[in-house]
């Protein structure tokens, strides 16, 4: 699930920074072979966000039960750090797919 996407036609590798730039685009033209493909990111992000939410809820419950003197501020800081890590992983959930009209 967490891997950077490849061109569906020629297999060209796209790096983290390049994929991050595609966040608002629906169609991309490959810099290597020149063919156009679509960008899919919704399914992977939903799964990643759901998994992160479940882990964070469990982590917060465990911290409140086992760490004496833990405040809400401590949980908030850990939650912000985990959410930031999740956002950093978003480019790894992006997938490139061949255009429907070119089969």
PDB file of N, CA and C in Angstrom:
ATOM      1  N   UNK A   1       0.820  -1.197   0.000  1.00  0.00           N
ATOM      2  CA  UNK A   1       0.000   0.000   0.000  1.00  0.00           C
ATOM      3  C   UNK A   1       0.862   1.258   0.000  1.00  0.00           C
ATOM      4  N   UNK A   2       1.857   1.324   0.838  1.00  0.00           N
ATOM      5  CA  UNK A   2       2.661   2.539   0.927  1.00  0.00           C
ATOM      6  C   UNK A   2       3.899   2.440   0.046  1.00  0.00           C
ATOM      7  N   UNK A   3       3.721   2.781  -1.228  1.00  0.00           N
ATOM      8  CA  UNK A   3       4.856   2.858  -2.140  1.00  0.00           C
ATOM      9  C   UNK A   3       4.565   3.979  -3.129  1.00  0.00           C
ATOM     10  N   UNK A   4       5.612   4.559  -3.652  1.00  0.00           N
ATOM     11  CA  UNK A   4       5.436   5.643  -4.611  1.00  0.00           C
ATOM     12  C   UNK A   4       4.973   5.075  -5.948  1.00  0.00           C
ATOM     13  N   UNK A   5       4.166   5.836  -6.692  1.00  0.00           N
ATOM     14  CA  UNK A   5       3.608   5.316  -7.942  1.00  0.00           C
ATOM     15  C   UNK A   5       4.600   5.308  -9.095  1.00  0.00           C
ATOM     16  N   UNK A   6       4.298   4.441 -10.060  1.00  0.00           N
ATOM     17  CA  UNK A   6       5.065   4.326 -11.294  1.00  0.00           C
ATOM     18  C   UNK A   6       4.154   4.656 -12.468  1.00  0.00           C
ATOM     19  N   UNK A   7       4.737   5.075 -13.587  1.00  0.00           N
ATOM     20  CA  UNK A   7       3.957   5.288 -14.804  1.00  0.00           C
ATOM     21  C   UNK A   7       3.344   3.946 -15.214  1.00  0.00           C
ATOM     22  N   UNK A   8       2.026   3.906 -15.473  1.00  0.00           N
ATOM     23  CA  UNK A   8       1.394   2.637 -15.838  1.00  0.00           C
ATOM     24  C   UNK A   8       1.785   2.135 -17.230  1.00  0.00           C
ATOM     25  N   UNK A   9       2.413   2.973 -18.022  1.00  0.00           N
ATOM     26  CA  UNK A   9       2.793   2.579 -19.383  1.00  0.00           C
ATOM     27  C   UNK A   9       4.256   2.123 -19.462  1.00  0.00           C
ATOM     28  N   UNK A  10       5.168   2.956 -18.970  1.00  0.00           N
ATOM     29  CA  UNK A  10       6.596   2.641 -19.140  1.00  0.00           C
ATOM     30  C   UNK A  10       7.297   2.290 -17.832  1.00  0.00           C
ATOM     31  N   UNK A  11       6.631   2.474 -16.699  1.00  0.00           N
ATOM     32  CA  UNK A  11       7.222   2.136 -15.410  1.00  0.00           C
ATOM     33  C   UNK A  11       8.186   3.177 -14.868  1.00  0.00           C
ATOM     34  N   UNK A  12       8.140   4.412 -15.414  1.00  0.00           N
ATOM     35  CA  UNK A  12       9.022   5.476 -14.923  1.00  0.00           C
ATOM     36  C   UNK A  12       8.743   5.744 -13.449  1.00  0.00           C
ATOM     37  N   UNK A  13       9.795   5.953 -12.704  1.00  0.00           N
ATOM     38  CA  UNK A  13       9.682   6.171 -11.262  1.00  0.00           C
ATOM     39  C   UNK A  13       9.426   7.648 -10.990  1.00  0.00           C
ATOM     40  N   UNK A  14       8.457   7.918 -10.130  1.00  0.00           N
ATOM     41  CA  UNK A  14       8.172   9.275  -9.693  1.00  0.00           C
ATOM     42  C   UNK A  14       8.568   9.399  -8.233  1.00  0.00           C
ATOM     43  N   UNK A  15       9.331  10.415  -7.912  1.00  0.00           N
ATOM     44  CA  UNK A  15       9.834  10.630  -6.559  1.00  0.00           C
ATOM     45  C   UNK A  15       8.802  11.350  -5.687  1.00  0.00           C
ATOM     46  N   UNK A  16       9.065  11.376  -4.387  1.00  0.00           N
ATOM     47  CA  UNK A  16       8.155  11.941  -3.393  1.00  0.00           C
ATOM     48  C   UNK A  16       7.741  13.370  -3.745  1.00  0.00           C
ATOM     49  N   UNK A  17       8.702  14.228  -4.053  1.00  0.00           N
ATOM     50  CA  UNK A  17       8.403  15.634  -4.362  1.00  0.00           C
ATOM     51  C   UNK A  17       7.534  15.792  -5.596  1.00  0.00           C
ATOM     52  N   UNK A  18       7.784  14.967  -6.609  1.00  0.00           N
ATOM     53  CA  UNK A  18       6.972  15.030  -7.830  1.00  0.00           C
ATOM     54  C   UNK A  18       5.535  14.607  -7.549  1.00  0.00           C
ATOM     55  N   UNK A  19       5.372  13.537  -6.805  1.00  0.00           N
ATOM     56  CA  UNK A  19       4.029  13.039  -6.497  1.00  0.00           C
ATOM     57  C   UNK A  19       3.281  14.054  -5.643  1.00  0.00           C
ATOM     58  N   UNK A  20       3.989  14.700  -4.748  1.00  0.00           N
ATOM     59  CA  UNK A  20       3.367  15.715  -3.889  1.00  0.00           C
ATOM     60  C   UNK A  20       2.816  16.871  -4.724  1.00  0.00           C
ATOM     61  N   UNK A  21       3.481  17.214  -5.821  1.00  0.00           N
ATOM     62  CA  UNK A  21       3.021  18.290  -6.699  1.00  0.00           C
ATOM     63  C   UNK A  21       1.740  17.919  -7.450  1.00  0.00           C
ATOM     64  N   UNK A  22       1.454  16.632  -7.589  1.00  0.00           N
ATOM     65  CA  UNK A  22       0.290  16.169  -8.334  1.00  0.00           C
ATOM     66  C   UNK A  22      -0.984  16.155  -7.489  1.00  0.00           C
ATOM     67  N   UNK A  23      -0.954  16.638  -6.267  1.00  0.00           N
ATOM     68  CA  UNK A  23      -2.079  16.482  -5.348  1.00  0.00           C
ATOM     69  C   UNK A  23      -3.381  17.094  -5.852  1.00  0.00           C
ATOM     70  N   UNK A  24      -3.323  18.113  -6.697  1.00  0.00           N
ATOM     71  CA  UNK A  24      -4.544  18.747  -7.193  1.00  0.00           C
ATOM     72  C   UNK A  24      -4.827  18.443  -8.662  1.00  0.00           C
ATOM     73  N   UNK A  25      -4.060  17.564  -9.249  1.00  0.00           N
ATOM     74  CA  UNK A  25      -4.237  17.249 -10.664  1.00  0.00           C
ATOM     75  C   UNK A  25      -4.936  15.902 -10.827  1.00  0.00           C
ATOM     76  N   UNK A  26      -5.741  15.798 -11.872  1.00  0.00           N
ATOM     77  CA  UNK A  26      -6.445  14.550 -12.150  1.00  0.00           C
ATOM     78  C   UNK A  26      -5.761  13.749 -13.251  1.00  0.00           C
ATOM     79  N   UNK A  27      -5.091  14.443 -14.162  1.00  0.00           N
ATOM     80  CA  UNK A  27      -4.403  13.783 -15.275  1.00  0.00           C
ATOM     81  C   UNK A  27      -2.972  14.304 -15.361  1.00  0.00           C
ATOM     82  N   UNK A  28      -2.051  13.391 -15.639  1.00  0.00           N
ATOM     83  CA  UNK A  28      -0.632  13.717 -15.734  1.00  0.00           C
ATOM     84  C   UNK A  28      -0.092  13.141 -17.033  1.00  0.00           C
ATOM     85  N   UNK A  29       0.861  13.850 -17.635  1.00  0.00           N
ATOM     86  CA  UNK A  29       1.549  13.339 -18.816  1.00  0.00           C
ATOM     87  C   UNK A  29       2.923  12.867 -18.366  1.00  0.00           C
ATOM     88  N   UNK A  30       3.258  11.633 -18.705  1.00  0.00           N
ATOM     89  CA  UNK A  30       4.526  11.045 -18.281  1.00  0.00           C
ATOM     90  C   UNK A  30       5.694  11.823 -18.884  1.00  0.00           C
ATOM     91  N   UNK A  31       6.673  12.123 -18.053  1.00  0.00           N
ATOM     92  CA  UNK A  31       7.840  12.866 -18.518  1.00  0.00           C
ATOM     93  C   UNK A  31       8.781  11.990 -19.342  1.00  0.00           C
ATOM     94  N   UNK A  32       8.593  10.677 -19.272  1.00  0.00           N
ATOM     95  CA  UNK A  32       9.478   9.762 -19.984  1.00  0.00           C
ATOM     96  C   UNK A  32       8.886   9.307 -21.317  1.00  0.00           C
ATOM     97  N   UNK A  33       7.664   8.744 -21.290  1.00  0.00           N
ATOM     98  CA  UNK A  33       7.070   8.205 -22.525  1.00  0.00           C
ATOM     99  C   UNK A  33       6.077   9.173 -23.171  1.00  0.00           C
ATOM    100  N   UNK A  34       5.625  10.199 -22.446  1.00  0.00           N
ATOM    101  CA  UNK A  34       4.723  11.198 -23.003  1.00  0.00           C
ATOM    102  C   UNK A  34       3.252  10.817 -23.008  1.00  0.00           C
ATOM    103  N   UNK A  35       2.903   9.637 -22.497  1.00  0.00           N
ATOM    104  CA  UNK A  35       1.501   9.215 -22.473  1.00  0.00           C
ATOM    105  C   UNK A  35       0.801   9.794 -21.248  1.00  0.00           C
ATOM    106  N   UNK A  36      -0.484  10.050 -21.413  1.00  0.00           N
ATOM    107  CA  UNK A  36      -1.267  10.647 -20.331  1.00  0.00           C
ATOM    108  C   UNK A  36      -1.962   9.567 -19.506  1.00  0.00           C
ATOM    109  N   UNK A  37      -1.983   9.758 -18.186  1.00  0.00           N
ATOM    110  CA  UNK A  37      -2.648   8.821 -17.281  1.00  0.00           C
ATOM    111  C   UNK A  37      -3.340   9.596 -16.174  1.00  0.00           C
ATOM    112  N   UNK A  38      -4.226   8.910 -15.461  1.00  0.00           N
ATOM    113  CA  UNK A  38      -4.981   9.576 -14.398  1.00  0.00           C
ATOM    114  C   UNK A  38      -4.344   9.313 -13.039  1.00  0.00           C
ATOM    115  N   UNK A  39      -4.629  10.223 -12.113  1.00  0.00           N
ATOM    116  CA  UNK A  39      -4.091  10.134 -10.758  1.00  0.00           C
ATOM    117  C   UNK A  39      -5.221   9.726  -9.827  1.00  0.00           C
ATOM    118  N   UNK A  40      -5.014   8.669  -9.058  1.00  0.00           N
ATOM    119  CA  UNK A  40      -6.004   8.187  -8.102  1.00  0.00           C
ATOM    120  C   UNK A  40      -5.399   8.255  -6.705  1.00  0.00           C
ATOM    121  N   UNK A  41      -6.090   8.951  -5.793  1.00  0.00           N
ATOM    122  CA  UNK A  41      -5.530   9.073  -4.457  1.00  0.00           C
ATOM    123  C   UNK A  41      -6.553   8.885  -3.346  1.00  0.00           C
ATOM    124  N   UNK A  42      -7.817   8.879  -3.644  1.00  0.00           N
ATOM    125  CA  UNK A  42      -8.866   8.861  -2.626  1.00  0.00           C
ATOM    126  C   UNK A  42      -8.891   7.575  -1.816  1.00  0.00           C
ATOM    127  N   UNK A  43      -8.910   6.417  -2.460  1.00  0.00           N
ATOM    128  CA  UNK A  43      -9.039   5.138  -1.760  1.00  0.00           C
ATOM    129  C   UNK A  43      -7.898   4.922  -0.767  1.00  0.00           C
ATOM    130  N   UNK A  44      -6.674   5.125  -1.197  1.00  0.00           N
ATOM    131  CA  UNK A  44      -5.524   4.927  -0.328  1.00  0.00           C
ATOM    132  C   UNK A  44      -5.512   5.881   0.851  1.00  0.00           C
ATOM    133  N   UNK A  45      -5.908   7.129   0.605  1.00  0.00           N
ATOM    134  CA  UNK A  45      -5.926   8.105   1.693  1.00  0.00           C
ATOM    135  C   UNK A  45      -7.004   7.797   2.710  1.00  0.00           C
ATOM    136  N   UNK A  46      -8.141   7.318   2.245  1.00  0.00           N
ATOM    137  CA  UNK A  46      -9.213   6.950   3.176  1.00  0.00           C
ATOM    138  C   UNK A  46      -8.754   5.804   4.066  1.00  0.00           C
ATOM    139  N   UNK A  47      -8.115   4.808   3.482  1.00  0.00           N
ATOM    140  CA  UNK A  47      -7.633   3.663   4.258  1.00  0.00           C
ATOM    141  C   UNK A  47      -6.558   4.107   5.249  1.00  0.00           C
ATOM    142  N   UNK A  48      -5.592   4.897   4.795  1.00  0.00           N
ATOM    143  CA  UNK A  48      -4.527   5.380   5.673  1.00  0.00           C
ATOM    144  C   UNK A  48      -5.090   6.216   6.820  1.00  0.00           C
ATOM    145  N   UNK A  49      -6.026   7.104   6.518  1.00  0.00           N
ATOM    146  CA  UNK A  49      -6.628   7.958   7.547  1.00  0.00           C
ATOM    147  C   UNK A  49      -7.422   7.135   8.552  1.00  0.00           C
ATOM    148  N   UNK A  50      -8.157   6.136   8.084  1.00  0.00           N
ATOM    149  CA  UNK A  50      -8.933   5.288   8.989  1.00  0.00           C
ATOM    150  C   UNK A  50      -8.024   4.491   9.917  1.00  0.00           C
ATOM    151  N   UNK A  51      -6.960   3.927   9.372  1.00  0.00           N
ATOM    152  CA  UNK A  51      -6.013   3.160  10.192  1.00  0.00           C
ATOM    153  C   UNK A  51      -5.348   4.081  11.219  1.00  0.00           C
ATOM    154  N   UNK A  52      -4.942   5.269  10.791  1.00  0.00           N
ATOM    155  CA  UNK A  52      -4.311   6.216  11.711  1.00  0.00           C
ATOM    156  C   UNK A  52      -5.275   6.637  12.811  1.00  0.00           C
ATOM    157  N   UNK A  53      -6.550   6.841  12.478  1.00  0.00           N
ATOM    158  CA  UNK A  53      -7.538   7.242  13.482  1.00  0.00           C
ATOM    159  C   UNK A  53      -7.733   6.149  14.527  1.00  0.00           C
ATOM    160  N   UNK A  54      -7.838   4.909  14.095  1.00  0.00           N
ATOM    161  CA  UNK A  54      -8.007   3.790  15.034  1.00  0.00           C
ATOM    162  C   UNK A  54      -6.785   3.662  15.943  1.00  0.00           C
ATOM    163  N   UNK A  55      -5.599   3.767  15.367  1.00  0.00           N
ATOM    164  CA  UNK A  55      -4.371   3.679  16.162  1.00  0.00           C
ATOM    165  C   UNK A  55      -4.288   4.826  17.163  1.00  0.00           C
ATOM    166  N   UNK A  56      -4.648   6.036  16.737  1.00  0.00           N
ATOM    167  CA  UNK A  56      -4.595   7.183  17.641  1.00  0.00           C
ATOM    168  C   UNK A  56      -5.590   7.066  18.789  1.00  0.00           C
ATOM    169  N   UNK A  57      -6.780   6.603  18.504  1.00  0.00           N
ATOM    170  CA  UNK A  57      -7.771   6.423  19.566  1.00  0.00           C
ATOM    171  C   UNK A  57      -7.267   5.397  20.580  1.00  0.00           C
ATOM    172  N   UNK A  58      -6.770   4.273  20.092  1.00  0.00           N
ATOM    173  CA  UNK A  58      -6.244   3.242  20.996  1.00  0.00           C
ATOM    174  C   UNK A  58      -5.049   3.764  21.786  1.00  0.00           C
ATOM    175  N   UNK A  59      -4.160   4.497  21.136  1.00  0.00           N
ATOM    176  CA  UNK A  59      -2.983   5.044  21.805  1.00  0.00           C
ATOM    177  C   UNK A  59      -3.379   6.032  22.902  1.00  0.00           C
ATOM    178  N   UNK A  60      -4.328   6.908  22.608  1.00  0.00           N
ATOM    179  CA  UNK A  60      -4.779   7.874  23.621  1.00  0.00           C
ATOM    180  C   UNK A  60      -5.433   7.178  24.809  1.00  0.00           C
ATOM    181  N   UNK A  61      -6.234   6.166  24.561  1.00  0.00           N
ATOM    182  CA  UNK A  61      -6.864   5.415  25.657  1.00  0.00           C
ATOM    183  C   UNK A  61      -5.806   4.730  26.506  1.00  0.00           C
ATOM    184  N   UNK A  62      -4.838   4.088  25.869  1.00  0.00           N
ATOM    185  CA  UNK A  62      -3.764   3.429  26.606  1.00  0.00           C
ATOM    186  C   UNK A  62      -2.926   4.421  27.412  1.00  0.00           C
ATOM    187  N   UNK A  63      -2.626   5.568  26.820  1.00  0.00           N
ATOM    188  CA  UNK A  63      -1.828   6.563  27.538  1.00  0.00           C
ATOM    189  C   UNK A  63      -2.562   7.072  28.773  1.00  0.00           C
ATOM    190  N   UNK A  64      -3.846   7.348  28.657  1.00  0.00           N
ATOM    191  CA  UNK A  64      -4.604   7.838  29.810  1.00  0.00           C
ATOM    192  C   UNK A  64      -4.707   6.776  30.907  1.00  0.00           C
ATOM    193  N   UNK A  65      -4.725   5.504  30.530  1.00  0.00           N
ATOM    194  CA  UNK A  65      -4.849   4.438  31.510  1.00  0.00           C
ATOM    195  C   UNK A  65      -3.529   4.056  32.175  1.00  0.00           C
ATOM    196  N   UNK A  66      -2.408   4.175  31.479  1.00  0.00           N
ATOM    197  CA  UNK A  66      -1.153   3.659  32.004  1.00  0.00           C
ATOM    198  C   UNK A  66      -0.111   4.711  32.374  1.00  0.00           C
ATOM    199  N   UNK A  67      -0.274   5.935  31.946  1.00  0.00           N
ATOM    200  CA  UNK A  67       0.701   6.979  32.272  1.00  0.00           C
ATOM    201  C   UNK A  67       0.083   7.915  33.302  1.00  0.00           C
ATOM    202  N   UNK A  68       0.620   7.881  34.492  1.00  0.00           N
ATOM    203  CA  UNK A  68       0.114   8.732  35.575  1.00  0.00           C
ATOM    204  C   UNK A  68       0.502  10.185  35.321  1.00  0.00           C
ATOM    205  N   UNK A  69      -0.408  11.086  35.564  1.00  0.00           N
ATOM    206  CA  UNK A  69      -0.130  12.511  35.432  1.00  0.00           C
ATOM    207  C   UNK A  69      -0.178  13.017  33.997  1.00  0.00           C
ATOM    208  N   UNK A  70      -0.648  12.217  33.090  1.00  0.00           N
ATOM    209  CA  UNK A  70      -0.744  12.648  31.697  1.00  0.00           C
ATOM    210  C   UNK A  70      -1.882  13.648  31.552  1.00  0.00           C
ATOM    211  N   UNK A  71      -1.616  14.730  30.891  1.00  0.00           N
ATOM    212  CA  UNK A  71      -2.640  15.755  30.691  1.00  0.00           C
ATOM    213  C   UNK A  71      -3.186  15.680  29.266  1.00  0.00           C
ATOM    214  N   UNK A  72      -4.241  16.424  29.046  1.00  0.00           N
ATOM    215  CA  UNK A  72      -4.824  16.499  27.711  1.00  0.00           C
ATOM    216  C   UNK A  72      -3.824  17.131  26.742  1.00  0.00           C
ATOM    217  N   UNK A  73      -3.022  18.072  27.241  1.00  0.00           N
ATOM    218  CA  UNK A  73      -2.009  18.702  26.395  1.00  0.00           C
ATOM    219  C   UNK A  73      -1.000  17.670  25.888  1.00  0.00           C
ATOM    220  N   UNK A  74      -0.601  16.740  26.723  1.00  0.00           N
ATOM    221  CA  UNK A  74       0.318  15.685  26.300  1.00  0.00           C
ATOM    222  C   UNK A  74      -0.273  14.820  25.203  1.00  0.00           C
ATOM    223  N   UNK A  75      -1.535  14.446  25.365  1.00  0.00           N
ATOM    224  CA  UNK A  75      -2.219  13.660  24.326  1.00  0.00           C
ATOM    225  C   UNK A  75      -2.374  14.467  23.045  1.00  0.00           C
ATOM    226  N   UNK A  76      -2.649  15.747  23.197  1.00  0.00           N
ATOM    227  CA  UNK A  76      -2.806  16.619  22.026  1.00  0.00           C
ATOM    228  C   UNK A  76      -1.509  16.685  21.226  1.00  0.00           C
ATOM    229  N   UNK A  77      -0.386  16.835  21.905  1.00  0.00           N
ATOM    230  CA  UNK A  77       0.909  16.919  21.219  1.00  0.00           C
ATOM    231  C   UNK A  77       1.215  15.623  20.476  1.00  0.00           C
ATOM    232  N   UNK A  78       0.962  14.490  21.102  1.00  0.00           N
ATOM    233  CA  UNK A  78       1.201  13.198  20.451  1.00  0.00           C
ATOM    234  C   UNK A  78       0.256  13.008  19.261  1.00  0.00           C
ATOM    235  N   UNK A  79      -0.995  13.440  19.414  1.00  0.00           N
ATOM    236  CA  UNK A  79      -1.969  13.333  18.324  1.00  0.00           C
ATOM    237  C   UNK A  79      -1.565  14.204  17.137  1.00  0.00           C
ATOM    238  N   UNK A  80      -1.118  15.421  17.394  1.00  0.00           N
ATOM    239  CA  UNK A  80      -0.669  16.316  16.310  1.00  0.00           C
ATOM    240  C   UNK A  80       0.528  15.704  15.585  1.00  0.00           C
ATOM    241  N   UNK A  81       1.445  15.114  16.325  1.00  0.00           N
ATOM    242  CA  UNK A  81       2.605  14.477  15.700  1.00  0.00           C
ATOM    243  C   UNK A  81       2.181  13.307  14.811  1.00  0.00           C
ATOM    244  N   UNK A  82       1.240  12.500  15.294  1.00  0.00           N
ATOM    245  CA  UNK A  82       0.777  11.351  14.510  1.00  0.00           C
ATOM    246  C   UNK A  82       0.003  11.792  13.266  1.00  0.00           C
ATOM    247  N   UNK A  83      -0.809  12.827  13.395  1.00  0.00           N
ATOM    248  CA  UNK A  83      -1.549  13.341  12.232  1.00  0.00           C
ATOM    249  C   UNK A  83      -0.573  13.913  11.208  1.00  0.00           C
ATOM    250  N   UNK A  84       0.462  14.598  11.670  1.00  0.00           N
ATOM    251  CA  UNK A  84       1.480  15.128  10.758  1.00  0.00           C
ATOM    252  C   UNK A  84       2.181  14.005  10.004  1.00  0.00           C
ATOM    253  N   UNK A  85       2.494  12.923  10.694  1.00  0.00           N
ATOM    254  CA  UNK A  85       3.108  11.767  10.036  1.00  0.00           C
ATOM    255  C   UNK A  85       2.176  11.178   8.989  1.00  0.00           C
ATOM    256  N   UNK A  86       0.889  11.125   9.296  1.00  0.00           N
ATOM    257  CA  UNK A  86      -0.091  10.607   8.338  1.00  0.00           C
ATOM    258  C   UNK A  86      -0.139  11.474   7.088  1.00  0.00           C
ATOM    259  N   UNK A  87      -0.127  12.792   7.249  1.00  0.00           N
ATOM    260  CA  UNK A  87      -0.163  13.705   6.100  1.00  0.00           C
ATOM    261  C   UNK A  87       1.114  13.564   5.270  1.00  0.00           C
ATOM    262  N   UNK A  88       2.238  13.359   5.934  1.00  0.00           N
ATOM    263  CA  UNK A  88       3.501  13.171   5.212  1.00  0.00           C
ATOM    264  C   UNK A  88       3.448  11.903   4.356  1.00  0.00           C
ATOM    265  N   UNK A  89       2.692  10.906   4.781  1.00  0.00           N
ATOM    266  CA  UNK A  89       2.593   9.640   4.036  1.00  0.00           C
ATOM    267  C   UNK A  89       1.596   9.693   2.871  1.00  0.00           C
ATOM    268  N   UNK A  90       0.830  10.766   2.722  1.00  0.00           N
ATOM    269  CA  UNK A  90      -0.172  10.848   1.654  1.00  0.00           C
ATOM    270  C   UNK A  90       0.375  10.573   0.250  1.00  0.00           C
ATOM    271  N   UNK A  91       1.535  11.100  -0.163  1.00  0.00           N
ATOM    272  CA  UNK A  91       2.024  10.784  -1.516  1.00  0.00           C
ATOM    273  C   UNK A  91       2.241   9.292  -1.756  1.00  0.00           C
ATOM    274  N   UNK A  92       2.476   8.509  -0.703  1.00  0.00           N
ATOM    275  CA  UNK A  92       2.667   7.077  -0.859  1.00  0.00           C
ATOM    276  C   UNK A  92       1.361   6.346  -1.160  1.00  0.00           C
ATOM    277  N   UNK A  93       0.222   7.014  -0.998  1.00  0.00           N
ATOM    278  CA  UNK A  93      -1.071   6.390  -1.284  1.00  0.00           C
ATOM    279  C   UNK A  93      -1.583   6.742  -2.675  1.00  0.00           C
ATOM    280  N   UNK A  94      -0.857   7.559  -3.412  1.00  0.00           N
ATOM    281  CA  UNK A  94      -1.252   7.966  -4.759  1.00  0.00           C
ATOM    282  C   UNK A  94      -0.963   6.841  -5.744  1.00  0.00           C
ATOM    283  N   UNK A  95      -1.875   6.621  -6.672  1.00  0.00           N
ATOM    284  CA  UNK A  95      -1.701   5.614  -7.720  1.00  0.00           C
ATOM    285  C   UNK A  95      -1.955   6.243  -9.076  1.00  0.00           C
ATOM    286  N   UNK A  96      -1.219   5.802 -10.071  1.00  0.00           N
ATOM    287  CA  UNK A  96      -1.410   6.245 -11.450  1.00  0.00           C
ATOM    288  C   UNK A  96      -2.105   5.123 -12.201  1.00  0.00           C
ATOM    289  N   UNK A  97      -3.116   5.490 -12.995  1.00  0.00           N
ATOM    290  CA  UNK A  97      -3.865   4.496 -13.758  1.00  0.00           C
ATOM    291  C   UNK A  97      -3.931   4.907 -15.223  1.00  0.00           C
ATOM    292  N   UNK A  98      -3.953   3.895 -16.098  1.00  0.00           N
ATOM    293  CA  UNK A  98      -4.092   4.174 -17.516  1.00  0.00           C
ATOM    294  C   UNK A  98      -5.427   4.850 -17.767  1.00  0.00           C
ATOM    295  N   UNK A  99      -5.435   5.735 -18.739  1.00  0.00           N
ATOM    296  CA  UNK A  99      -6.688   6.423 -19.103  1.00  0.00           C
ATOM    297  C   UNK A  99      -7.661   5.391 -19.675  1.00  0.00           C
ATOM    298  N   UNK A 100      -8.943   5.550 -19.397  1.00  0.00           N
ATOM    299  CA  UNK A 100      -9.967   4.609 -19.843  1.00  0.00           C
ATOM    300  C   UNK A 100     -10.075   4.520 -21.360  1.00  0.00           C
ATOM    301  N   UNK A 101      -9.829   5.633 -22.042  1.00  0.00           N
ATOM    302  CA  UNK A 101      -9.982   5.633 -23.501  1.00  0.00           C
ATOM    303  C   UNK A 101      -8.802   4.999 -24.213  1.00  0.00           C
ATOM    304  N   UNK A 102      -7.710   4.698 -23.506  1.00  0.00           N
ATOM    305  CA  UNK A 102      -6.535   4.075 -24.121  1.00  0.00           C
ATOM    306  C   UNK A 102      -6.314   2.701 -23.514  1.00  0.00           C
ATOM    307  N   UNK A 103      -6.950   1.675 -24.012  1.00  0.00           N
ATOM    308  CA  UNK A 103      -6.809   0.339 -23.433  1.00  0.00           C
ATOM    309  C   UNK A 103      -5.927  -0.528 -24.256  1.00  0.00           C
TER     310      UNK A 103
END
